[in-house]
Amino acid sequence: FLFTGQGAQTPGMGRGLCAAWPAFREAFDRCVALFDRELDRPLCEVMWAEPGSAESLLLDQTAFTQPALFTVEYTLTALWRSWGVEPELLVGHSIGELVAACVAGVFSLEDGVRLVAARGRLMQGLSAGGAMVSLGAPEAEVAAAVAPHAASVSIAAVNGPEQVVIAGVEQAVQGIAAGFAARGVRTKRLHVLHAFHSPLMEPMLEEFGRVAASVTYRRPSVSLVSNLSGKVVTDELSAPGYWVRHVREAVRFADGVKALHEAGAGTFVGVGPKPTLLGLLPACLPETEPTLLASLRAGREEAAGVLEALGRLWAGGGSVSW
């Protein structure tokens, strides 16, 4: 199972699944009730707001984006499990890794909700002015370009052999991106309000560390790949310091995909409102032909989309408890 990160949120996500399956609705209601204790307005009002309304704009505010994504991805997992489909390996991307950890039992749903709500709230409270840009270049080249700006810019994610995201102070990030663009390298600015996984996250780390220290941790019950190392981990995620580093350090997703492949993964289920991570896999595994199943796709009716994925899993030899 691959749990998507920020940017995959879509208005109304989860509504169709709530209407179709009690297993989804029960888990969804439980998540929302827990988040409503932490947020300054009901999460459902933001997630299912009328398009164009003031409430709908809040879905792209980090304080609500991260709880909304956590809720949909955690409850999608509950739906797959209600069909007897159990993940053998888990990986998330940024906020998605907190979902993966909760699914693996690293912390309870109650603690996971507190951690995610604090993470989103503290990030939201940071000053604006950061930027994130995706560069179509190898990590080594990007690292060399970023090195002179280490105090203000860092590599935020390595999503493929030639897909690296940098983040930090806008002027410096744009300057680095302009240098790559002048050489004909593809560059794309990401539509985000903050520079995640960059030096601009540092003012929130101490307070977030206090929240992380209040959480009860356990060893994962399902094999889980770390964003920080790109490897299958055991005890590393079961400590508050890991989740503080997770806010600041780069997401090594490409390495994580290789670790999944080496562990025997051949079928990948995208768990989130968009199959964003599935789109990164072909470049990470160029010599393989994995089965890619998207739980949901933007613009597609939710119940039909997830049933298509379930059907493809079963047709390919997967076990389903009909």
C-alpha atoms as a PDB file:
ATOM      1  CA  PHE A   1       0.000   0.000   0.000  1.00  0.00           C
ATOM      2  CA  LEU A   2       1.298   3.482  -0.957  1.00  0.00           C
ATOM      3  CA  PHE A   3      -0.134   6.421   0.994  1.00  0.00           C
ATOM      4  CA  THR A   4      -0.103   9.733  -0.860  1.00  0.00           C
ATOM      5  CA  GLY A   5       1.098  13.061   0.522  1.00  0.00           C
ATOM      6  CA  GLN A   6      -0.007  16.661   0.462  1.00  0.00           C
ATOM      7  CA  GLY A   7      -1.272  17.948  -2.879  1.00  0.00           C
ATOM      8  CA  ALA A   8      -3.502  14.930  -3.556  1.00  0.00           C
ATOM      9  CA  GLN A   9      -6.512  16.380  -1.732  1.00  0.00           C
ATOM     10  CA  THR A  10      -9.740  16.763  -3.720  1.00  0.00           C
ATOM     11  CA  PRO A  11     -13.043  18.431  -2.744  1.00  0.00           C
ATOM     12  CA  GLY A  12     -15.675  15.960  -1.582  1.00  0.00           C
ATOM     13  CA  MET A  13     -13.216  13.092  -1.190  1.00  0.00           C
ATOM     14  CA  GLY A  14     -14.686  10.167   0.720  1.00  0.00           C
ATOM     15  CA  ARG A  15     -18.329  11.163   0.282  1.00  0.00           C
ATOM     16  CA  GLY A  16     -19.084   8.481  -2.319  1.00  0.00           C
ATOM     17  CA  LEU A  17     -17.389   5.752  -0.282  1.00  0.00           C
ATOM     18  CA  CYS A  18     -19.279   6.782   2.878  1.00  0.00           C
ATOM     19  CA  ALA A  19     -22.546   6.383   0.992  1.00  0.00           C
ATOM     20  CA  ALA A  20     -21.594   2.975  -0.408  1.00  0.00           C
ATOM     21  CA  TRP A  21     -19.930   1.010   2.409  1.00  0.00           C
ATOM     22  CA  PRO A  22     -20.597   0.929   6.175  1.00  0.00           C
ATOM     23  CA  ALA A  23     -17.015  -0.312   6.747  1.00  0.00           C
ATOM     24  CA  PHE A  24     -15.706   2.928   5.271  1.00  0.00           C
ATOM     25  CA  ARG A  25     -18.320   5.142   6.915  1.00  0.00           C
ATOM     26  CA  GLU A  26     -17.706   3.752  10.411  1.00  0.00           C
ATOM     27  CA  ALA A  27     -13.944   4.308  10.226  1.00  0.00           C
ATOM     28  CA  PHE A  28     -14.452   7.701   8.586  1.00  0.00           C
ATOM     29  CA  ASP A  29     -16.856   8.876  11.299  1.00  0.00           C
ATOM     30  CA  ARG A  30     -14.434   7.743  13.995  1.00  0.00           C
ATOM     31  CA  CYS A  31     -11.528   9.679  12.439  1.00  0.00           C
ATOM     32  CA  VAL A  32     -13.588  12.816  11.899  1.00  0.00           C
ATOM     33  CA  ALA A  33     -14.909  12.757  15.468  1.00  0.00           C
ATOM     34  CA  LEU A  34     -11.350  12.579  16.809  1.00  0.00           C
ATOM     35  CA  PHE A  35     -10.114  15.402  14.557  1.00  0.00           C
ATOM     36  CA  ASP A  36     -13.076  17.580  15.498  1.00  0.00           C
ATOM     37  CA  ARG A  37     -11.658  17.687  19.032  1.00  0.00           C
ATOM     38  CA  GLU A  38      -8.422  19.132  17.651  1.00  0.00           C
ATOM     39  CA  LEU A  39      -9.539  21.503  14.859  1.00  0.00           C
ATOM     40  CA  ASP A  40     -11.306  24.860  15.074  1.00  0.00           C
ATOM     41  CA  ARG A  41     -14.133  23.759  12.755  1.00  0.00           C
ATOM     42  CA  PRO A  42     -15.670  20.397  11.789  1.00  0.00           C
ATOM     43  CA  LEU A  43     -13.456  18.554   9.320  1.00  0.00           C
ATOM     44  CA  CYS A  44     -16.382  17.298   7.233  1.00  0.00           C
ATOM     45  CA  GLU A  45     -17.562  20.875   6.627  1.00  0.00           C
ATOM     46  CA  VAL A  46     -14.198  21.561   4.998  1.00  0.00           C
ATOM     47  CA  MET A  47     -13.840  18.290   3.090  1.00  0.00           C
ATOM     48  CA  TRP A  48     -17.359  18.304   1.678  1.00  0.00           C
ATOM     49  CA  ALA A  49     -17.922  22.056   1.320  1.00  0.00           C
ATOM     50  CA  GLU A  50     -19.709  23.464  -1.724  1.00  0.00           C
ATOM     51  CA  PRO A  51     -17.165  24.190  -4.492  1.00  0.00           C
ATOM     52  CA  GLY A  52     -16.207  27.847  -4.497  1.00  0.00           C
ATOM     53  CA  SER A  53     -17.352  28.475  -0.934  1.00  0.00           C
ATOM     54  CA  ALA A  54     -15.104  29.953   1.743  1.00  0.00           C
ATOM     55  CA  GLU A  55     -15.064  26.595   3.529  1.00  0.00           C
ATOM     56  CA  SER A  56     -13.886  24.773   0.396  1.00  0.00           C
ATOM     57  CA  LEU A  57     -10.761  26.951   0.237  1.00  0.00           C
ATOM     58  CA  LEU A  58      -9.716  25.686   3.655  1.00  0.00           C
ATOM     59  CA  LEU A  59      -9.038  22.223   2.230  1.00  0.00           C
ATOM     60  CA  ASP A  60      -5.768  23.579   0.811  1.00  0.00           C
ATOM     61  CA  GLN A  61      -4.770  25.049   4.180  1.00  0.00           C
ATOM     62  CA  THR A  62      -2.214  22.715   5.747  1.00  0.00           C
ATOM     63  CA  ALA A  63      -4.048  22.634   9.102  1.00  0.00           C
ATOM     64  CA  PHE A  64      -6.974  20.941   7.328  1.00  0.00           C
ATOM     65  CA  THR A  65      -5.229  19.273   4.374  1.00  0.00           C
ATOM     66  CA  GLN A  66      -3.235  16.870   6.481  1.00  0.00           C
ATOM     67  CA  PRO A  67      -6.121  15.740   8.714  1.00  0.00           C
ATOM     68  CA  ALA A  68      -8.331  15.311   5.622  1.00  0.00           C
ATOM     69  CA  LEU A  69      -5.771  13.168   3.802  1.00  0.00           C
ATOM     70  CA  PHE A  70      -5.066  11.120   6.918  1.00  0.00           C
ATOM     71  CA  THR A  71      -8.795  10.459   7.352  1.00  0.00           C
ATOM     72  CA  VAL A  72      -9.409   9.354   3.764  1.00  0.00           C
ATOM     73  CA  GLU A  73      -6.294   7.164   3.579  1.00  0.00           C
ATOM     74  CA  TYR A  74      -6.782   5.514   6.964  1.00  0.00           C
ATOM     75  CA  THR A  75     -10.401   4.722   6.149  1.00  0.00           C
ATOM     76  CA  LEU A  76      -9.595   3.495   2.641  1.00  0.00           C
ATOM     77  CA  THR A  77      -7.313   0.964   4.319  1.00  0.00           C
ATOM     78  CA  ALA A  78     -10.209  -0.097   6.549  1.00  0.00           C
ATOM     79  CA  LEU A  79     -12.307  -0.624   3.408  1.00  0.00           C
ATOM     80  CA  TRP A  80      -9.644  -2.783   1.712  1.00  0.00           C
ATOM     81  CA  ARG A  81      -9.278  -4.783   4.926  1.00  0.00           C
ATOM     82  CA  SER A  82     -13.053  -5.321   5.088  1.00  0.00           C
ATOM     83  CA  TRP A  83     -12.633  -7.159   1.782  1.00  0.00           C
ATOM     84  CA  GLY A  84      -9.898  -9.344   3.245  1.00  0.00           C
ATOM     85  CA  VAL A  85      -7.097  -7.463   1.466  1.00  0.00           C
ATOM     86  CA  GLU A  86      -4.205  -7.044   3.907  1.00  0.00           C
ATOM     87  CA  PRO A  87      -1.080  -5.068   2.979  1.00  0.00           C
ATOM     88  CA  GLU A  88       2.225  -6.904   3.386  1.00  0.00           C
ATOM     89  CA  LEU A  89       4.369  -3.789   2.881  1.00  0.00           C
ATOM     90  CA  LEU A  90       3.637  -0.118   3.512  1.00  0.00           C
ATOM     91  CA  VAL A  91       5.167   3.151   2.344  1.00  0.00           C
ATOM     92  CA  GLY A  92       3.889   6.704   2.651  1.00  0.00           C
ATOM     93  CA  HIS A  93       5.020  10.045   1.267  1.00  0.00           C
ATOM     94  CA  SER A  94       5.433  12.741   3.953  1.00  0.00           C
ATOM     95  CA  ILE A  95       2.030  12.982   5.702  1.00  0.00           C
ATOM     96  CA  GLY A  96       1.259   9.614   4.080  1.00  0.00           C
ATOM     97  CA  GLU A  97       3.928   7.991   6.227  1.00  0.00           C
ATOM     98  CA  LEU A  98       2.007   8.941   9.362  1.00  0.00           C
ATOM     99  CA  VAL A  99      -0.988   7.066   7.937  1.00  0.00           C
ATOM    100  CA  ALA A 100       1.232   4.074   7.130  1.00  0.00           C
ATOM    101  CA  ALA A 101       2.653   4.092  10.665  1.00  0.00           C
ATOM    102  CA  CYS A 102      -0.823   4.204  12.201  1.00  0.00           C
ATOM    103  CA  VAL A 103      -2.013   1.357   9.967  1.00  0.00           C
ATOM    104  CA  ALA A 104       1.067  -0.626  11.052  1.00  0.00           C
ATOM    105  CA  GLY A 105       0.241  -0.019  14.718  1.00  0.00           C
ATOM    106  CA  VAL A 106       3.221   2.217  15.506  1.00  0.00           C
ATOM    107  CA  PHE A 107       0.740   4.427  17.367  1.00  0.00           C
ATOM    108  CA  SER A 108      -2.995   4.290  18.035  1.00  0.00           C
ATOM    109  CA  LEU A 109      -5.540   6.127  15.936  1.00  0.00           C
ATOM    110  CA  GLU A 110      -6.118   8.553  18.821  1.00  0.00           C
ATOM    111  CA  ASP A 111      -2.412   9.359  19.083  1.00  0.00           C
ATOM    112  CA  GLY A 112      -2.065   9.498  15.299  1.00  0.00           C
ATOM    113  CA  VAL A 113      -4.846  12.078  15.087  1.00  0.00           C
ATOM    114  CA  ARG A 114      -3.200  14.233  17.780  1.00  0.00           C
ATOM    115  CA  LEU A 115       0.151  14.019  16.008  1.00  0.00           C
ATOM    116  CA  VAL A 116      -1.284  14.878  12.573  1.00  0.00           C
ATOM    117  CA  ALA A 117      -3.424  17.736  13.910  1.00  0.00           C
ATOM    118  CA  ALA A 118      -0.417  19.264  15.695  1.00  0.00           C
ATOM    119  CA  ARG A 119       1.787  18.813  12.621  1.00  0.00           C
ATOM    120  CA  GLY A 120      -0.691  20.566  10.338  1.00  0.00           C
ATOM    121  CA  ARG A 121      -1.446  23.335  12.838  1.00  0.00           C
ATOM    122  CA  LEU A 122       2.218  24.121  13.517  1.00  0.00           C
ATOM    123  CA  MET A 123       3.113  24.095   9.821  1.00  0.00           C
ATOM    124  CA  GLN A 124       0.151  26.369   9.106  1.00  0.00           C
ATOM    125  CA  GLY A 125       1.436  28.794  11.719  1.00  0.00           C
ATOM    126  CA  LEU A 126       4.803  29.254  10.020  1.00  0.00           C
ATOM    127  CA  SER A 127       5.537  32.383   8.015  1.00  0.00           C
ATOM    128  CA  ALA A 128       4.726  32.259   4.323  1.00  0.00           C
ATOM    129  CA  GLY A 129       7.382  32.961   1.725  1.00  0.00           C
ATOM    130  CA  GLY A 130       8.699  29.504   0.989  1.00  0.00           C
ATOM    131  CA  ALA A 131       8.693  27.672  -2.334  1.00  0.00           C
ATOM    132  CA  MET A 132       9.026  24.133  -3.656  1.00  0.00           C
ATOM    133  CA  VAL A 133      10.177  23.241  -7.173  1.00  0.00           C
ATOM    134  CA  SER A 134      10.490  19.858  -8.873  1.00  0.00           C
ATOM    135  CA  LEU A 135      13.603  19.428 -11.033  1.00  0.00           C
ATOM    136  CA  GLY A 136      14.139  16.799 -13.728  1.00  0.00           C
ATOM    137  CA  ALA A 137      17.739  16.114 -12.752  1.00  0.00           C
ATOM    138  CA  PRO A 138      19.718  13.484 -10.792  1.00  0.00           C
ATOM    139  CA  GLU A 139      20.049  13.925  -7.040  1.00  0.00           C
ATOM    140  CA  ALA A 140      23.826  14.460  -7.189  1.00  0.00           C
ATOM    141  CA  GLU A 141      23.474  17.436  -9.555  1.00  0.00           C
ATOM    142  CA  VAL A 142      20.724  18.973  -7.458  1.00  0.00           C
ATOM    143  CA  ALA A 143      22.692  18.461  -4.245  1.00  0.00           C
ATOM    144  CA  ALA A 144      25.674  20.275  -5.745  1.00  0.00           C
ATOM    145  CA  ALA A 145      23.485  23.222  -6.743  1.00  0.00           C
ATOM    146  CA  VAL A 146      21.817  23.393  -3.338  1.00  0.00           C
ATOM    147  CA  ALA A 147      25.013  23.114  -1.270  1.00  0.00           C
ATOM    148  CA  PRO A 148      25.935  26.840  -1.398  1.00  0.00           C
ATOM    149  CA  HIS A 149      22.433  27.657  -0.094  1.00  0.00           C
ATOM    150  CA  ALA A 150      22.294  25.079   2.708  1.00  0.00           C
ATOM    151  CA  ALA A 151      21.017  27.592   5.254  1.00  0.00           C
ATOM    152  CA  SER A 152      17.940  28.441   3.189  1.00  0.00           C
ATOM    153  CA  VAL A 153      17.288  25.563   0.730  1.00  0.00           C
ATOM    154  CA  SER A 154      17.403  21.787   0.906  1.00  0.00           C
ATOM    155  CA  ILE A 155      16.354  18.722  -1.063  1.00  0.00           C
ATOM    156  CA  ALA A 156      12.812  17.985   0.100  1.00  0.00           C
ATOM    157  CA  ALA A 157      12.142  14.761  -1.816  1.00  0.00           C
ATOM    158  CA  VAL A 158      13.828  12.317  -4.152  1.00  0.00           C
ATOM    159  CA  ASN A 159      10.882  10.898  -6.096  1.00  0.00           C
ATOM    160  CA  GLY A 160      12.766   9.223  -8.937  1.00  0.00           C
ATOM    161  CA  PRO A 161      16.160   8.897 -10.632  1.00  0.00           C
ATOM    162  CA  GLU A 162      15.626  12.309 -12.214  1.00  0.00           C
ATOM    163  CA  GLN A 163      12.814  13.788 -10.163  1.00  0.00           C
ATOM    164  CA  VAL A 164      14.034  15.801  -7.196  1.00  0.00           C
ATOM    165  CA  VAL A 165      12.125  18.457  -5.244  1.00  0.00           C
ATOM    166  CA  ILE A 166      13.896  21.370  -3.574  1.00  0.00           C
ATOM    167  CA  ALA A 167      12.338  23.602  -0.932  1.00  0.00           C
ATOM    168  CA  GLY A 168      13.186  26.698   1.069  1.00  0.00           C
ATOM    169  CA  VAL A 169      13.342  30.475   0.819  1.00  0.00           C
ATOM    170  CA  GLU A 170      11.601  31.482  -2.397  1.00  0.00           C
ATOM    171  CA  GLN A 171      14.299  33.711  -3.895  1.00  0.00           C
ATOM    172  CA  ALA A 172      17.004  31.088  -3.460  1.00  0.00           C
ATOM    173  CA  VAL A 173      14.803  28.235  -4.698  1.00  0.00           C
ATOM    174  CA  GLN A 174      13.805  30.190  -7.796  1.00  0.00           C
ATOM    175  CA  GLY A 175      17.425  31.089  -8.460  1.00  0.00           C
ATOM    176  CA  ILE A 176      18.498  27.437  -8.361  1.00  0.00           C
ATOM    177  CA  ALA A 177      15.553  26.424 -10.550  1.00  0.00           C
ATOM    178  CA  ALA A 178      16.391  29.145 -13.077  1.00  0.00           C
ATOM    179  CA  GLY A 179      19.909  27.765 -13.383  1.00  0.00           C
ATOM    180  CA  PHE A 180      18.578  24.312 -14.238  1.00  0.00           C
ATOM    181  CA  ALA A 181      15.969  25.720 -16.632  1.00  0.00           C
ATOM    182  CA  ALA A 182      18.676  27.630 -18.509  1.00  0.00           C
ATOM    183  CA  ARG A 183      20.330  24.262 -19.208  1.00  0.00           C
ATOM    184  CA  GLY A 184      17.102  22.827 -20.595  1.00  0.00           C
ATOM    185  CA  VAL A 185      16.145  20.880 -17.469  1.00  0.00           C
ATOM    186  CA  ARG A 186      12.430  20.517 -16.749  1.00  0.00           C
ATOM    187  CA  THR A 187      11.331  22.547 -13.737  1.00  0.00           C
ATOM    188  CA  LYS A 188       7.899  22.779 -12.128  1.00  0.00           C
ATOM    189  CA  ARG A 189       6.845  24.900  -9.203  1.00  0.00           C
ATOM    190  CA  LEU A 190       4.591  23.077  -6.760  1.00  0.00           C
ATOM    191  CA  HIS A 191       1.398  24.752  -5.577  1.00  0.00           C
ATOM    192  CA  VAL A 192       1.986  24.694  -1.828  1.00  0.00           C
ATOM    193  CA  LEU A 193       1.698  27.295   0.907  1.00  0.00           C
ATOM    194  CA  HIS A 194       4.831  26.267   2.777  1.00  0.00           C
ATOM    195  CA  ALA A 195       8.279  24.867   1.984  1.00  0.00           C
ATOM    196  CA  PHE A 196       7.958  21.421   3.549  1.00  0.00           C
ATOM    197  CA  HIS A 197      11.082  19.408   4.436  1.00  0.00           C
ATOM    198  CA  SER A 198      13.240  22.534   4.349  1.00  0.00           C
ATOM    199  CA  PRO A 199      15.036  24.882   6.783  1.00  0.00           C
ATOM    200  CA  LEU A 200      11.807  26.910   6.991  1.00  0.00           C
ATOM    201  CA  MET A 201      10.274  24.079   9.050  1.00  0.00           C
ATOM    202  CA  GLU A 202      12.781  24.476  11.891  1.00  0.00           C
ATOM    203  CA  PRO A 203      10.796  26.983  14.021  1.00  0.00           C
ATOM    204  CA  MET A 204       8.071  24.370  14.619  1.00  0.00           C
ATOM    205  CA  LEU A 205      10.304  21.421  15.501  1.00  0.00           C
ATOM    206  CA  GLU A 206      10.672  22.009  19.232  1.00  0.00           C
ATOM    207  CA  GLU A 207       6.953  22.308  19.909  1.00  0.00           C
ATOM    208  CA  PHE A 208       6.146  19.413  17.600  1.00  0.00           C
ATOM    209  CA  GLY A 209       8.738  17.366  19.469  1.00  0.00           C
ATOM    210  CA  ARG A 210       6.819  17.913  22.700  1.00  0.00           C
ATOM    211  CA  VAL A 211       3.638  16.561  21.116  1.00  0.00           C
ATOM    212  CA  ALA A 212       5.536  13.623  19.601  1.00  0.00           C
ATOM    213  CA  ALA A 213       7.002  12.817  23.024  1.00  0.00           C
ATOM    214  CA  SER A 214       3.488  12.433  24.459  1.00  0.00           C
ATOM    215  CA  VAL A 215       2.615   9.632  22.021  1.00  0.00           C
ATOM    216  CA  THR A 216       2.843   5.930  22.909  1.00  0.00           C
ATOM    217  CA  TYR A 217       4.891   4.017  20.320  1.00  0.00           C
ATOM    218  CA  ARG A 218       5.097   0.325  19.400  1.00  0.00           C
ATOM    219  CA  ARG A 219       7.015  -1.719  16.846  1.00  0.00           C
ATOM    220  CA  PRO A 220       5.207  -1.893  13.479  1.00  0.00           C
ATOM    221  CA  SER A 221       3.141  -5.043  12.938  1.00  0.00           C
ATOM    222  CA  VAL A 222       3.437  -4.702   9.141  1.00  0.00           C
ATOM    223  CA  SER A 223       6.701  -4.182   7.236  1.00  0.00           C
ATOM    224  CA  LEU A 224       7.099  -0.455   6.697  1.00  0.00           C
ATOM    225  CA  VAL A 225       9.565   1.503   4.560  1.00  0.00           C
ATOM    226  CA  SER A 226      10.980   4.726   6.014  1.00  0.00           C
ATOM    227  CA  ASN A 227      10.944   8.047   4.155  1.00  0.00           C
ATOM    228  CA  LEU A 228      14.207   9.017   5.835  1.00  0.00           C
ATOM    229  CA  SER A 229      16.293   5.943   5.002  1.00  0.00           C
ATOM    230  CA  GLY A 230      14.358   4.467   2.102  1.00  0.00           C
ATOM    231  CA  LYS A 231      14.670   1.066   3.797  1.00  0.00           C
ATOM    232  CA  VAL A 232      12.406  -1.400   5.599  1.00  0.00           C
ATOM    233  CA  VAL A 233      12.557  -0.443   9.284  1.00  0.00           C
ATOM    234  CA  THR A 234      11.703  -1.976  12.640  1.00  0.00           C
ATOM    235  CA  ASP A 235      12.255   0.177  15.731  1.00  0.00           C
ATOM    236  CA  GLU A 236      13.269   3.456  14.089  1.00  0.00           C
ATOM    237  CA  LEU A 237       9.726   4.822  13.752  1.00  0.00           C
ATOM    238  CA  SER A 238       8.894   3.996  17.351  1.00  0.00           C
ATOM    239  CA  ALA A 239      10.512   7.112  18.805  1.00  0.00           C
ATOM    240  CA  PRO A 240       9.452  10.782  18.886  1.00  0.00           C
ATOM    241  CA  GLY A 241      12.755  11.988  17.435  1.00  0.00           C
ATOM    242  CA  TYR A 242      12.059  10.165  14.182  1.00  0.00           C
ATOM    243  CA  TRP A 243       8.877  12.147  13.559  1.00  0.00           C
ATOM    244  CA  VAL A 244      10.622  15.446  14.303  1.00  0.00           C
ATOM    245  CA  ARG A 245      13.331  14.603  11.762  1.00  0.00           C
ATOM    246  CA  HIS A 246      10.573  13.499   9.382  1.00  0.00           C
ATOM    247  CA  VAL A 247       9.260  17.093   9.216  1.00  0.00           C
ATOM    248  CA  ARG A 248      12.654  18.499   8.259  1.00  0.00           C
ATOM    249  CA  GLU A 249      14.545  15.865   6.265  1.00  0.00           C
ATOM    250  CA  ALA A 250      14.099  14.715   2.674  1.00  0.00           C
ATOM    251  CA  VAL A 251      11.546  12.104   1.596  1.00  0.00           C
ATOM    252  CA  ARG A 252      13.561   9.319  -0.055  1.00  0.00           C
ATOM    253  CA  PHE A 253      10.620   7.838  -1.924  1.00  0.00           C
ATOM    254  CA  ALA A 254      12.601   6.454  -4.883  1.00  0.00           C
ATOM    255  CA  ASP A 255      14.827   4.455  -2.522  1.00  0.00           C
ATOM    256  CA  GLY A 256      11.703   3.272  -0.713  1.00  0.00           C
ATOM    257  CA  VAL A 257      10.199   1.906  -3.927  1.00  0.00           C
ATOM    258  CA  LYS A 258      13.396  -0.055  -4.610  1.00  0.00           C
ATOM    259  CA  ALA A 259      13.223  -1.456  -1.075  1.00  0.00           C
ATOM    260  CA  LEU A 260       9.632  -2.585  -1.700  1.00  0.00           C
ATOM    261  CA  HIS A 261      10.689  -4.296  -4.924  1.00  0.00           C
ATOM    262  CA  GLU A 262      13.626  -6.005  -3.213  1.00  0.00           C
ATOM    263  CA  ALA A 263      11.223  -7.211  -0.494  1.00  0.00           C
ATOM    264  CA  GLY A 264       9.131  -8.927  -3.173  1.00  0.00           C
ATOM    265  CA  ALA A 265       6.388  -6.406  -3.923  1.00  0.00           C
ATOM    266  CA  GLY A 266       4.810  -6.831  -7.347  1.00  0.00           C
ATOM    267  CA  THR A 267       1.366  -5.348  -6.754  1.00  0.00           C
ATOM    268  CA  PHE A 268       1.108  -1.735  -5.589  1.00  0.00           C
ATOM    269  CA  VAL A 269      -2.145  -0.236  -4.297  1.00  0.00           C
ATOM    270  CA  GLY A 270      -2.350   3.565  -4.299  1.00  0.00           C
ATOM    271  CA  VAL A 271      -4.205   4.620  -1.150  1.00  0.00           C
ATOM    272  CA  GLY A 272      -5.400   8.210  -1.454  1.00  0.00           C
ATOM    273  CA  PRO A 273      -7.697  10.491  -3.448  1.00  0.00           C
ATOM    274  CA  LYS A 274      -5.288  10.512  -6.421  1.00  0.00           C
ATOM    275  CA  PRO A 275      -2.862   7.841  -7.717  1.00  0.00           C
ATOM    276  CA  THR A 276       0.041  10.310  -7.505  1.00  0.00           C
ATOM    277  CA  LEU A 277       2.606   7.847  -6.161  1.00  0.00           C
ATOM    278  CA  LEU A 278       1.710   5.141  -8.674  1.00  0.00           C
ATOM    279  CA  GLY A 279       2.740   7.579 -11.403  1.00  0.00           C
ATOM    280  CA  LEU A 280       6.259   7.713  -9.965  1.00  0.00           C
ATOM    281  CA  LEU A 281       6.817   3.956  -9.955  1.00  0.00           C
ATOM    282  CA  PRO A 282       7.708   3.275 -13.625  1.00  0.00           C
ATOM    283  CA  ALA A 283      10.747   5.580 -13.443  1.00  0.00           C
ATOM    284  CA  CYS A 284      11.823   4.020 -10.146  1.00  0.00           C
ATOM    285  CA  LEU A 285      11.444   0.448 -11.451  1.00  0.00           C
ATOM    286  CA  PRO A 286      12.237   0.761 -15.175  1.00  0.00           C
ATOM    287  CA  GLU A 287      13.013  -2.932 -15.719  1.00  0.00           C
ATOM    288  CA  THR A 288       9.858  -4.313 -14.118  1.00  0.00           C
ATOM    289  CA  GLU A 289       6.148  -4.374 -14.926  1.00  0.00           C
ATOM    290  CA  PRO A 290       4.388  -4.106 -11.561  1.00  0.00           C
ATOM    291  CA  THR A 291       0.626  -4.206 -11.163  1.00  0.00           C
ATOM    292  CA  LEU A 292      -0.572  -0.698 -10.259  1.00  0.00           C
ATOM    293  CA  LEU A 293      -4.006  -0.340  -8.641  1.00  0.00           C
ATOM    294  CA  ALA A 294      -5.470   3.095  -7.884  1.00  0.00           C
ATOM    295  CA  SER A 295      -8.037   3.143  -5.071  1.00  0.00           C
ATOM    296  CA  LEU A 296      -9.421   6.460  -6.332  1.00  0.00           C
ATOM    297  CA  ARG A 297      -8.960   8.753  -9.311  1.00  0.00           C
ATOM    298  CA  ALA A 298      -9.926  12.427  -9.485  1.00  0.00           C
ATOM    299  CA  GLY A 299     -13.053  12.916 -11.563  1.00  0.00           C
ATOM    300  CA  ARG A 300     -14.079   9.249 -11.311  1.00  0.00           C
ATOM    301  CA  GLU A 301     -17.052   8.100  -9.242  1.00  0.00           C
ATOM    302  CA  GLU A 302     -15.488   6.764  -6.043  1.00  0.00           C
ATOM    303  CA  ALA A 303     -17.363   3.481  -5.619  1.00  0.00           C
ATOM    304  CA  ALA A 304     -16.790   2.469  -9.243  1.00  0.00           C
ATOM    305  CA  GLY A 305     -13.107   3.376  -9.053  1.00  0.00           C
ATOM    306  CA  VAL A 306     -12.301   1.329  -5.967  1.00  0.00           C
ATOM    307  CA  LEU A 307     -14.341  -1.637  -7.218  1.00  0.00           C
ATOM    308  CA  GLU A 308     -12.353  -1.604 -10.455  1.00  0.00           C
ATOM    309  CA  ALA A 309      -9.128  -1.755  -8.426  1.00  0.00           C
ATOM    310  CA  LEU A 310     -10.531  -4.605  -6.299  1.00  0.00           C
ATOM    311  CA  GLY A 311     -11.586  -6.497  -9.414  1.00  0.00           C
ATOM    312  CA  ARG A 312      -8.171  -6.116 -10.994  1.00  0.00           C
ATOM    313  CA  LEU A 313      -6.513  -7.326  -7.803  1.00  0.00           C
ATOM    314  CA  TRP A 314      -8.715 -10.451  -7.774  1.00  0.00           C
ATOM    315  CA  ALA A 315      -8.306 -11.078 -11.524  1.00  0.00           C
ATOM    316  CA  GLY A 316      -4.554 -10.961 -11.050  1.00  0.00           C
ATOM    317  CA  GLY A 317      -4.644 -13.706  -8.445  1.00  0.00           C
ATOM    318  CA  GLY A 318      -5.138 -11.649  -5.303  1.00  0.00           C
ATOM    319  CA  SER A 319      -7.217 -12.986  -2.419  1.00  0.00           C
ATOM    320  CA  VAL A 320     -10.548 -11.260  -1.759  1.00  0.00           C
ATOM    321  CA  SER A 321     -13.080 -12.152   0.938  1.00  0.00           C
ATOM    322  CA  TRP A 322     -16.243 -11.716  -1.126  1.00  0.00           C
END
